Amino acid sequence: MAKLGNCVFCQKVIREGQLYHHGIDEIACEACAPSYGDMLAEPGSFRDFQTDEPLTAEQAKAAIDAHLAKGGALTDKMVSA
């Protein structure tokens, strides 16, 4: 598996196929990744990938509501492979 990078928080190596959180300029391993509850608490610390602007509370709530509607929870980590 190819190396994608190191977790910005703990420096763990992240490889293709592993779950991780992808930010604008950094990645975080699954253990260090933020949760949907973190986004709800601090929406401005997340960025809109299309505009590179901080998320508004309304944008964060819409993303969280969509996640919850699919059966997700606020404690779920925001990760993908």
PDB file of N, CA and C in Angstrom:
ATOM      1  N   MET A   1       0.834  -1.186   0.000  1.00  0.00           N
ATOM      2  CA  MET A   1       0.000   0.000   0.000  1.00  0.00           C
ATOM      3  C   MET A   1       0.882   1.254   0.000  1.00  0.00           C
ATOM      4  N   ALA A   2       0.529   2.181  -0.828  1.00  0.00           N
ATOM      5  CA  ALA A   2       1.295   3.425  -0.927  1.00  0.00           C
ATOM      6  C   ALA A   2       1.019   4.325   0.270  1.00  0.00           C
ATOM      7  N   LYS A   3       2.031   5.047   0.675  1.00  0.00           N
ATOM      8  CA  LYS A   3       1.910   6.000   1.772  1.00  0.00           C
ATOM      9  C   LYS A   3       1.229   7.271   1.262  1.00  0.00           C
ATOM     10  N   LEU A   4       0.182   7.712   1.990  1.00  0.00           N
ATOM     11  CA  LEU A   4      -0.516   8.958   1.657  1.00  0.00           C
ATOM     12  C   LEU A   4       0.088  10.146   2.393  1.00  0.00           C
ATOM     13  N   GLY A   5       0.641   9.889   3.560  1.00  0.00           N
ATOM     14  CA  GLY A   5       1.217  10.951   4.374  1.00  0.00           C
ATOM     15  C   GLY A   5       1.215  10.556   5.830  1.00  0.00           C
ATOM     16  N   ASN A   6       1.462  11.537   6.685  1.00  0.00           N
ATOM     17  CA  ASN A   6       1.465  11.316   8.125  1.00  0.00           C
ATOM     18  C   ASN A   6       0.354  12.140   8.761  1.00  0.00           C
ATOM     19  N   CYS A   7      -0.231  11.598   9.815  1.00  0.00           N
ATOM     20  CA  CYS A   7      -1.267  12.303  10.566  1.00  0.00           C
ATOM     21  C   CYS A   7      -0.692  13.611  11.101  1.00  0.00           C
ATOM     22  N   VAL A   8      -1.413  14.677  10.879  1.00  0.00           N
ATOM     23  CA  VAL A   8      -0.967  16.001  11.318  1.00  0.00           C
ATOM     24  C   VAL A   8      -0.892  16.092  12.847  1.00  0.00           C
ATOM     25  N   PHE A   9      -1.604  15.231  13.552  1.00  0.00           N
ATOM     26  CA  PHE A   9      -1.641  15.291  15.017  1.00  0.00           C
ATOM     27  C   PHE A   9      -0.658  14.336  15.687  1.00  0.00           C
ATOM     28  N   CYS A  10      -0.648  13.057  15.273  1.00  0.00           N
ATOM     29  CA  CYS A  10       0.190  12.059  15.958  1.00  0.00           C
ATOM     30  C   CYS A  10       1.344  11.538  15.108  1.00  0.00           C
ATOM     31  N   GLN A  11       1.419  11.954  13.854  1.00  0.00           N
ATOM     32  CA  GLN A  11       2.477  11.567  12.915  1.00  0.00           C
ATOM     33  C   GLN A  11       2.410  10.116  12.443  1.00  0.00           C
ATOM     34  N   LYS A  12       1.319   9.392  12.768  1.00  0.00           N
ATOM     35  CA  LYS A  12       1.160   8.024  12.286  1.00  0.00           C
ATOM     36  C   LYS A  12       1.144   8.026  10.761  1.00  0.00           C
ATOM     37  N   VAL A  13       1.795   7.038  10.164  1.00  0.00           N
ATOM     38  CA  VAL A  13       1.784   6.893   8.710  1.00  0.00           C
ATOM     39  C   VAL A  13       0.398   6.449   8.274  1.00  0.00           C
ATOM     40  N   ILE A  14      -0.144   7.105   7.259  1.00  0.00           N
ATOM     41  CA  ILE A  14      -1.448   6.743   6.689  1.00  0.00           C
ATOM     42  C   ILE A  14      -1.195   6.207   5.292  1.00  0.00           C
ATOM     43  N   ARG A  15      -1.740   5.024   5.034  1.00  0.00           N
ATOM     44  CA  ARG A  15      -1.530   4.354   3.751  1.00  0.00           C
ATOM     45  C   ARG A  15      -2.851   4.194   3.012  1.00  0.00           C
ATOM     46  N   GLU A  16      -2.756   4.000   1.714  1.00  0.00           N
ATOM     47  CA  GLU A  16      -3.949   3.752   0.891  1.00  0.00           C
ATOM     48  C   GLU A  16      -4.756   2.624   1.512  1.00  0.00           C
ATOM     49  N   GLY A  17      -6.070   2.776   1.505  1.00  0.00           N
ATOM     50  CA  GLY A  17      -6.965   1.753   2.042  1.00  0.00           C
ATOM     51  C   GLY A  17      -7.320   1.947   3.507  1.00  0.00           C
ATOM     52  N   GLN A  18      -6.563   2.771   4.230  1.00  0.00           N
ATOM     53  CA  GLN A  18      -6.876   3.045   5.630  1.00  0.00           C
ATOM     54  C   GLN A  18      -7.862   4.208   5.709  1.00  0.00           C
ATOM     55  N   LEU A  19      -8.665   4.212   6.768  1.00  0.00           N
ATOM     56  CA  LEU A  19      -9.577   5.322   6.985  1.00  0.00           C
ATOM     57  C   LEU A  19      -8.807   6.524   7.510  1.00  0.00           C
ATOM     58  N   TYR A  20      -9.130   7.710   6.975  1.00  0.00           N
ATOM     59  CA  TYR A  20      -8.475   8.933   7.417  1.00  0.00           C
ATOM     60  C   TYR A  20      -9.369  10.121   7.107  1.00  0.00           C
ATOM     61  N   HIS A  21      -9.075  11.249   7.725  1.00  0.00           N
ATOM     62  CA  HIS A  21      -9.792  12.494   7.483  1.00  0.00           C
ATOM     63  C   HIS A  21      -8.918  13.366   6.598  1.00  0.00           C
ATOM     64  N   HIS A  22      -9.506  13.880   5.536  1.00  0.00           N
ATOM     65  CA  HIS A  22      -8.762  14.717   4.608  1.00  0.00           C
ATOM     66  C   HIS A  22      -9.192  16.163   4.766  1.00  0.00           C
ATOM     67  N   GLY A  23      -8.279  17.006   5.196  1.00  0.00           N
ATOM     68  CA  GLY A  23      -8.534  18.436   5.281  1.00  0.00           C
ATOM     69  C   GLY A  23      -8.037  19.119   4.016  1.00  0.00           C
ATOM     70  N   ILE A  24      -8.041  20.431   4.003  1.00  0.00           N
ATOM     71  CA  ILE A  24      -7.573  21.184   2.843  1.00  0.00           C
ATOM     72  C   ILE A  24      -6.100  20.887   2.562  1.00  0.00           C
ATOM     73  N   ASP A  25      -5.258  20.987   3.567  1.00  0.00           N
ATOM     74  CA  ASP A  25      -3.817  20.817   3.385  1.00  0.00           C
ATOM     75  C   ASP A  25      -3.215  19.716   4.234  1.00  0.00           C
ATOM     76  N   GLU A  26      -4.042  18.961   4.951  1.00  0.00           N
ATOM     77  CA  GLU A  26      -3.486  17.960   5.846  1.00  0.00           C
ATOM     78  C   GLU A  26      -4.410  16.751   5.933  1.00  0.00           C
ATOM     79  N   ILE A  27      -3.872  15.680   6.526  1.00  0.00           N
ATOM     80  CA  ILE A  27      -4.677  14.492   6.771  1.00  0.00           C
ATOM     81  C   ILE A  27      -4.511  14.083   8.228  1.00  0.00           C
ATOM     82  N   ALA A  28      -5.523  13.390   8.745  1.00  0.00           N
ATOM     83  CA  ALA A  28      -5.498  12.907  10.123  1.00  0.00           C
ATOM     84  C   ALA A  28      -5.896  11.434  10.125  1.00  0.00           C
ATOM     85  N   CYS A  29      -5.236  10.645  10.945  1.00  0.00           N
ATOM     86  CA  CYS A  29      -5.570   9.230  11.056  1.00  0.00           C
ATOM     87  C   CYS A  29      -6.970   9.081  11.663  1.00  0.00           C
ATOM     88  N   GLU A  30      -7.503   7.884  11.596  1.00  0.00           N
ATOM     89  CA  GLU A  30      -8.861   7.647  12.105  1.00  0.00           C
ATOM     90  C   GLU A  30      -8.979   8.009  13.585  1.00  0.00           C
ATOM     91  N   ALA A  31      -7.981   7.678  14.373  1.00  0.00           N
ATOM     92  CA  ALA A  31      -8.040   7.953  15.811  1.00  0.00           C
ATOM     93  C   ALA A  31      -8.069   9.453  16.108  1.00  0.00           C
ATOM     94  N   CYS A  32      -7.368  10.235  15.302  1.00  0.00           N
ATOM     95  CA  CYS A  32      -7.271  11.676  15.534  1.00  0.00           C
ATOM     96  C   CYS A  32      -8.312  12.485  14.751  1.00  0.00           C
ATOM     97  N   ALA A  33      -9.033  11.835  13.853  1.00  0.00           N
ATOM     98  CA  ALA A  33      -9.992  12.529  12.995  1.00  0.00           C
ATOM     99  C   ALA A  33     -11.109  13.165  13.822  1.00  0.00           C
ATOM    100  N   PRO A  34     -11.616  14.303  13.363  1.00  0.00           N
ATOM    101  CA  PRO A  34     -12.733  14.941  14.069  1.00  0.00           C
ATOM    102  C   PRO A  34     -14.028  14.152  13.875  1.00  0.00           C
ATOM    103  N   SER A  35     -14.948  14.366  14.780  1.00  0.00           N
ATOM    104  CA  SER A  35     -16.270  13.745  14.681  1.00  0.00           C
ATOM    105  C   SER A  35     -17.263  14.765  14.135  1.00  0.00           C
ATOM    106  N   TYR A  36     -18.438  14.281  13.803  1.00  0.00           N
ATOM    107  CA  TYR A  36     -19.488  15.202  13.367  1.00  0.00           C
ATOM    108  C   TYR A  36     -19.864  16.150  14.502  1.00  0.00           C
ATOM    109  N   GLY A  37     -19.769  15.682  15.731  1.00  0.00           N
ATOM    110  CA  GLY A  37     -20.019  16.551  16.885  1.00  0.00           C
ATOM    111  C   GLY A  37     -18.999  17.675  16.972  1.00  0.00           C
ATOM    112  N   ASP A  38     -17.760  17.387  16.589  1.00  0.00           N
ATOM    113  CA  ASP A  38     -16.736  18.434  16.561  1.00  0.00           C
ATOM    114  C   ASP A  38     -17.108  19.509  15.542  1.00  0.00           C
ATOM    115  N   MET A  39     -17.627  19.093  14.397  1.00  0.00           N
ATOM    116  CA  MET A  39     -18.025  20.063  13.386  1.00  0.00           C
ATOM    117  C   MET A  39     -19.180  20.914  13.885  1.00  0.00           C
ATOM    118  N   LEU A  40     -20.102  20.297  14.601  1.00  0.00           N
ATOM    119  CA  LEU A  40     -21.231  21.045  15.152  1.00  0.00           C
ATOM    120  C   LEU A  40     -20.745  22.070  16.177  1.00  0.00           C
ATOM    121  N   ALA A  41     -19.783  21.682  17.002  1.00  0.00           N
ATOM    122  CA  ALA A  41     -19.279  22.566  18.055  1.00  0.00           C
ATOM    123  C   ALA A  41     -18.410  23.699  17.509  1.00  0.00           C
ATOM    124  N   GLU A  42     -17.660  23.428  16.438  1.00  0.00           N
ATOM    125  CA  GLU A  42     -16.735  24.428  15.902  1.00  0.00           C
ATOM    126  C   GLU A  42     -16.771  24.451  14.371  1.00  0.00           C
ATOM    127  N   PRO A  43     -17.891  24.857  13.785  1.00  0.00           N
ATOM    128  CA  PRO A  43     -18.010  24.805  12.322  1.00  0.00           C
ATOM    129  C   PRO A  43     -16.952  25.631  11.598  1.00  0.00           C
ATOM    130  N   GLY A  44     -16.512  26.718  12.173  1.00  0.00           N
ATOM    131  CA  GLY A  44     -15.533  27.576  11.525  1.00  0.00           C
ATOM    132  C   GLY A  44     -14.156  26.967  11.386  1.00  0.00           C
ATOM    133  N   SER A  45     -13.897  25.870  12.085  1.00  0.00           N
ATOM    134  CA  SER A  45     -12.596  25.213  11.958  1.00  0.00           C
ATOM    135  C   SER A  45     -12.579  24.213  10.807  1.00  0.00           C
ATOM    136  N   PHE A  46     -13.708  24.086  10.109  1.00  0.00           N
ATOM    137  CA  PHE A  46     -13.806  23.226   8.925  1.00  0.00           C
ATOM    138  C   PHE A  46     -13.941  24.111   7.703  1.00  0.00           C
ATOM    139  N   ARG A  47     -13.452  23.639   6.555  1.00  0.00           N
ATOM    140  CA  ARG A  47     -13.441  24.449   5.345  1.00  0.00           C
ATOM    141  C   ARG A  47     -14.371  23.870   4.288  1.00  0.00           C
ATOM    142  N   ASP A  48     -14.942  24.755   3.498  1.00  0.00           N
ATOM    143  CA  ASP A  48     -15.719  24.370   2.322  1.00  0.00           C
ATOM    144  C   ASP A  48     -14.696  24.076   1.222  1.00  0.00           C
ATOM    145  N   PHE A  49     -14.675  22.838   0.712  1.00  0.00           N
ATOM    146  CA  PHE A  49     -13.675  22.455  -0.289  1.00  0.00           C
ATOM    147  C   PHE A  49     -13.828  23.224  -1.594  1.00  0.00           C
ATOM    148  N   GLN A  50     -15.014  23.709  -1.894  1.00  0.00           N
ATOM    149  CA  GLN A  50     -15.218  24.434  -3.147  1.00  0.00           C
ATOM    150  C   GLN A  50     -14.737  25.877  -3.065  1.00  0.00           C
ATOM    151  N   THR A  51     -14.939  26.521  -1.925  1.00  0.00           N
ATOM    152  CA  THR A  51     -14.582  27.937  -1.796  1.00  0.00           C
ATOM    153  C   THR A  51     -13.351  28.176  -0.938  1.00  0.00           C
ATOM    154  N   ASP A  52     -12.929  27.168  -0.181  1.00  0.00           N
ATOM    155  CA  ASP A  52     -11.829  27.268   0.778  1.00  0.00           C
ATOM    156  C   ASP A  52     -12.147  28.248   1.911  1.00  0.00           C
ATOM    157  N   GLU A  53     -13.414  28.563   2.095  1.00  0.00           N
ATOM    158  CA  GLU A  53     -13.858  29.433   3.183  1.00  0.00           C
ATOM    159  C   GLU A  53     -14.266  28.573   4.382  1.00  0.00           C
ATOM    160  N   PRO A  54     -14.172  29.121   5.592  1.00  0.00           N
ATOM    161  CA  PRO A  54     -14.657  28.382   6.763  1.00  0.00           C
ATOM    162  C   PRO A  54     -16.154  28.081   6.614  1.00  0.00           C
ATOM    163  N   LEU A  55     -16.568  26.923   7.126  1.00  0.00           N
ATOM    164  CA  LEU A  55     -17.991  26.580   7.094  1.00  0.00           C
ATOM    165  C   LEU A  55     -18.771  27.508   8.003  1.00  0.00           C
ATOM    166  N   THR A  56     -19.952  27.851   7.566  1.00  0.00           N
ATOM    167  CA  THR A  56     -20.869  28.579   8.433  1.00  0.00           C
ATOM    168  C   THR A  56     -21.589  27.563   9.305  1.00  0.00           C
ATOM    169  N   ALA A  57     -22.215  28.029  10.359  1.00  0.00           N
ATOM    170  CA  ALA A  57     -22.993  27.138  11.219  1.00  0.00           C
ATOM    171  C   ALA A  57     -24.094  26.453  10.416  1.00  0.00           C
ATOM    172  N   GLU A  58     -24.686  27.167   9.464  1.00  0.00           N
ATOM    173  CA  GLU A  58     -25.761  26.599   8.642  1.00  0.00           C
ATOM    174  C   GLU A  58     -25.238  25.492   7.729  1.00  0.00           C
ATOM    175  N   GLN A  59     -24.066  25.704   7.128  1.00  0.00           N
ATOM    176  CA  GLN A  59     -23.477  24.673   6.261  1.00  0.00           C
ATOM    177  C   GLN A  59     -23.126  23.423   7.074  1.00  0.00           C
ATOM    178  N   ALA A  60     -22.547  23.629   8.246  1.00  0.00           N
ATOM    179  CA  ALA A  60     -22.194  22.497   9.096  1.00  0.00           C
ATOM    180  C   ALA A  60     -23.442  21.738   9.523  1.00  0.00           C
ATOM    181  N   LYS A  61     -24.479  22.463   9.925  1.00  0.00           N
ATOM    182  CA  LYS A  61     -25.723  21.812  10.354  1.00  0.00           C
ATOM    183  C   LYS A  61     -26.341  21.015   9.216  1.00  0.00           C
ATOM    184  N   ALA A  62     -26.294  21.533   7.995  1.00  0.00           N
ATOM    185  CA  ALA A  62     -26.847  20.803   6.849  1.00  0.00           C
ATOM    186  C   ALA A  62     -26.081  19.498   6.612  1.00  0.00           C
ATOM    187  N   ALA A  63     -24.751  19.546   6.702  1.00  0.00           N
ATOM    188  CA  ALA A  63     -23.942  18.338   6.517  1.00  0.00           C
ATOM    189  C   ALA A  63     -24.207  17.327   7.631  1.00  0.00           C
ATOM    190  N   ILE A  64     -24.326  17.817   8.847  1.00  0.00           N
ATOM    191  CA  ILE A  64     -24.581  16.937   9.988  1.00  0.00           C
ATOM    192  C   ILE A  64     -25.979  16.342   9.898  1.00  0.00           C
ATOM    193  N   ASP A  65     -26.966  17.149   9.550  1.00  0.00           N
ATOM    194  CA  ASP A  65     -28.337  16.642   9.406  1.00  0.00           C
ATOM    195  C   ASP A  65     -28.394  15.542   8.354  1.00  0.00           C
ATOM    196  N   ALA A  66     -27.673  15.717   7.253  1.00  0.00           N
ATOM    197  CA  ALA A  66     -27.647  14.686   6.202  1.00  0.00           C
ATOM    198  C   ALA A  66     -27.010  13.403   6.736  1.00  0.00           C
ATOM    199  N   HIS A  67     -25.947  13.533   7.506  1.00  0.00           N
ATOM    200  CA  HIS A  67     -25.284  12.363   8.090  1.00  0.00           C
ATOM    201  C   HIS A  67     -26.221  11.653   9.068  1.00  0.00           C
ATOM    202  N   LEU A  68     -26.892  12.418   9.918  1.00  0.00           N
ATOM    203  CA  LEU A  68     -27.814  11.817  10.889  1.00  0.00           C
ATOM    204  C   LEU A  68     -29.006  11.158  10.195  1.00  0.00           C
ATOM    205  N   ALA A  69     -29.476  11.743   9.102  1.00  0.00           N
ATOM    206  CA  ALA A  69     -30.607  11.179   8.359  1.00  0.00           C
ATOM    207  C   ALA A  69     -30.270   9.818   7.758  1.00  0.00           C
ATOM    208  N   LYS A  70     -28.997   9.579   7.517  1.00  0.00           N
ATOM    209  CA  LYS A  70     -28.548   8.289   6.973  1.00  0.00           C
ATOM    210  C   LYS A  70     -28.284   7.268   8.075  1.00  0.00           C
ATOM    211  N   GLY A  71     -28.606   7.629   9.320  1.00  0.00           N
ATOM    212  CA  GLY A  71     -28.404   6.715  10.437  1.00  0.00           C
ATOM    213  C   GLY A  71     -27.110   6.940  11.194  1.00  0.00           C
ATOM    214  N   GLY A  72     -26.391   8.006  10.863  1.00  0.00           N
ATOM    215  CA  GLY A  72     -25.139   8.312  11.538  1.00  0.00           C
ATOM    216  C   GLY A  72     -25.360   8.907  12.911  1.00  0.00           C
ATOM    217  N   ALA A  73     -24.261   9.115  13.613  1.00  0.00           N
ATOM    218  CA  ALA A  73     -24.292   9.683  14.959  1.00  0.00           C
ATOM    219  C   ALA A  73     -23.281  10.825  15.046  1.00  0.00           C
ATOM    220  N   LEU A  74     -23.481  11.702  16.000  1.00  0.00           N
ATOM    221  CA  LEU A  74     -22.550  12.812  16.200  1.00  0.00           C
ATOM    222  C   LEU A  74     -21.155  12.338  16.600  1.00  0.00           C
ATOM    223  N   THR A  75     -21.064  11.136  17.171  1.00  0.00           N
ATOM    224  CA  THR A  75     -19.776  10.606  17.597  1.00  0.00           C
ATOM    225  C   THR A  75     -19.003   9.929  16.469  1.00  0.00           C
ATOM    226  N   ASP A  76     -19.622   9.778  15.300  1.00  0.00           N
ATOM    227  CA  ASP A  76     -18.939   9.163  14.153  1.00  0.00           C
ATOM    228  C   ASP A  76     -17.775  10.043  13.721  1.00  0.00           C
ATOM    229  N   LYS A  77     -16.664   9.397  13.398  1.00  0.00           N
ATOM    230  CA  LYS A  77     -15.496  10.111  12.884  1.00  0.00           C
ATOM    231  C   LYS A  77     -15.736  10.480  11.426  1.00  0.00           C
ATOM    232  N   MET A  78     -15.215  11.600  11.021  1.00  0.00           N
ATOM    233  CA  MET A  78     -15.340  12.074   9.641  1.00  0.00           C
ATOM    234  C   MET A  78     -14.160  11.517   8.849  1.00  0.00           C
ATOM    235  N   VAL A  79     -14.309  10.270   8.390  1.00  0.00           N
ATOM    236  CA  VAL A  79     -13.212   9.580   7.700  1.00  0.00           C
ATOM    237  C   VAL A  79     -13.711   8.919   6.421  1.00  0.00           C
ATOM    238  N   SER A  80     -12.796   8.684   5.542  1.00  0.00           N
ATOM    239  CA  SER A  80     -13.043   7.891   4.329  1.00  0.00           C
ATOM    240  C   SER A  80     -11.746   7.204   3.967  1.00  0.00           C
ATOM    241  N   ALA A  81     -11.833   6.250   3.073  1.00  0.00           N
ATOM    242  CA  ALA A  81     -10.633   5.503   2.648  1.00  0.00           C
ATOM    243  C   ALA A  81     -10.121   6.077   1.344  1.00  0.00           C
TER     244      ALA A  81
END
